[in-house]
Structures are given as C-alpha cells and as structure tokens.
Amino acid sequence: MPLKVKVTLGDLLLEKGMSFNELSVKSKVRRAAISELVNGKRENINFEHIAKIAEALGTTDISQIIMLVEDTEH
C-alpha cells in the first residue's frame, strides 16, 4: 500500500495549548506557512521550517510534526 505524509503538528499545538501566532514568533516561521501546513494546504514541506518548528516546540521527534501513514485512498 502506498504511503503519504500526514501532518500531526496541529495535535501537538493543541496538546501544548499553543496558537499558530505563538509558534510563528518562537520558530520564526511565517504564520501563514504554519497554518497551511497544519490545514493540509501545502504541497511541499520545507525541512528548514520543520527543524525550526521542532526546536521551538522542544522536540526531536519528527513524528510529533509529520509522519508517514498508509494512503487508504489509493
């Protein structure tokens, strides 16, 4: 079965009680880019953004931000 990237960042933000604006300030990633990532509107993922977001959230576990899952739609 093929795989697809699932963005799990929204769940982590809810868990931490952090808004897109707060993460934007801490990570120095545009709020719009964070919003597009969380809402599945980005076609490409910028690895530099992922690294900045992970650092701002104090995690090295990339699966808290993105993960590979089975694509059941294909």
Foldseek 3Di string as FASTA:
>chain_A
DDKDKDFQQVVVCVVVVHDLVRLCVLLVPDSVVVVCLNVVNDPDDDVSSLVSSCVSSVHPPSVNTMDMDDDPVD
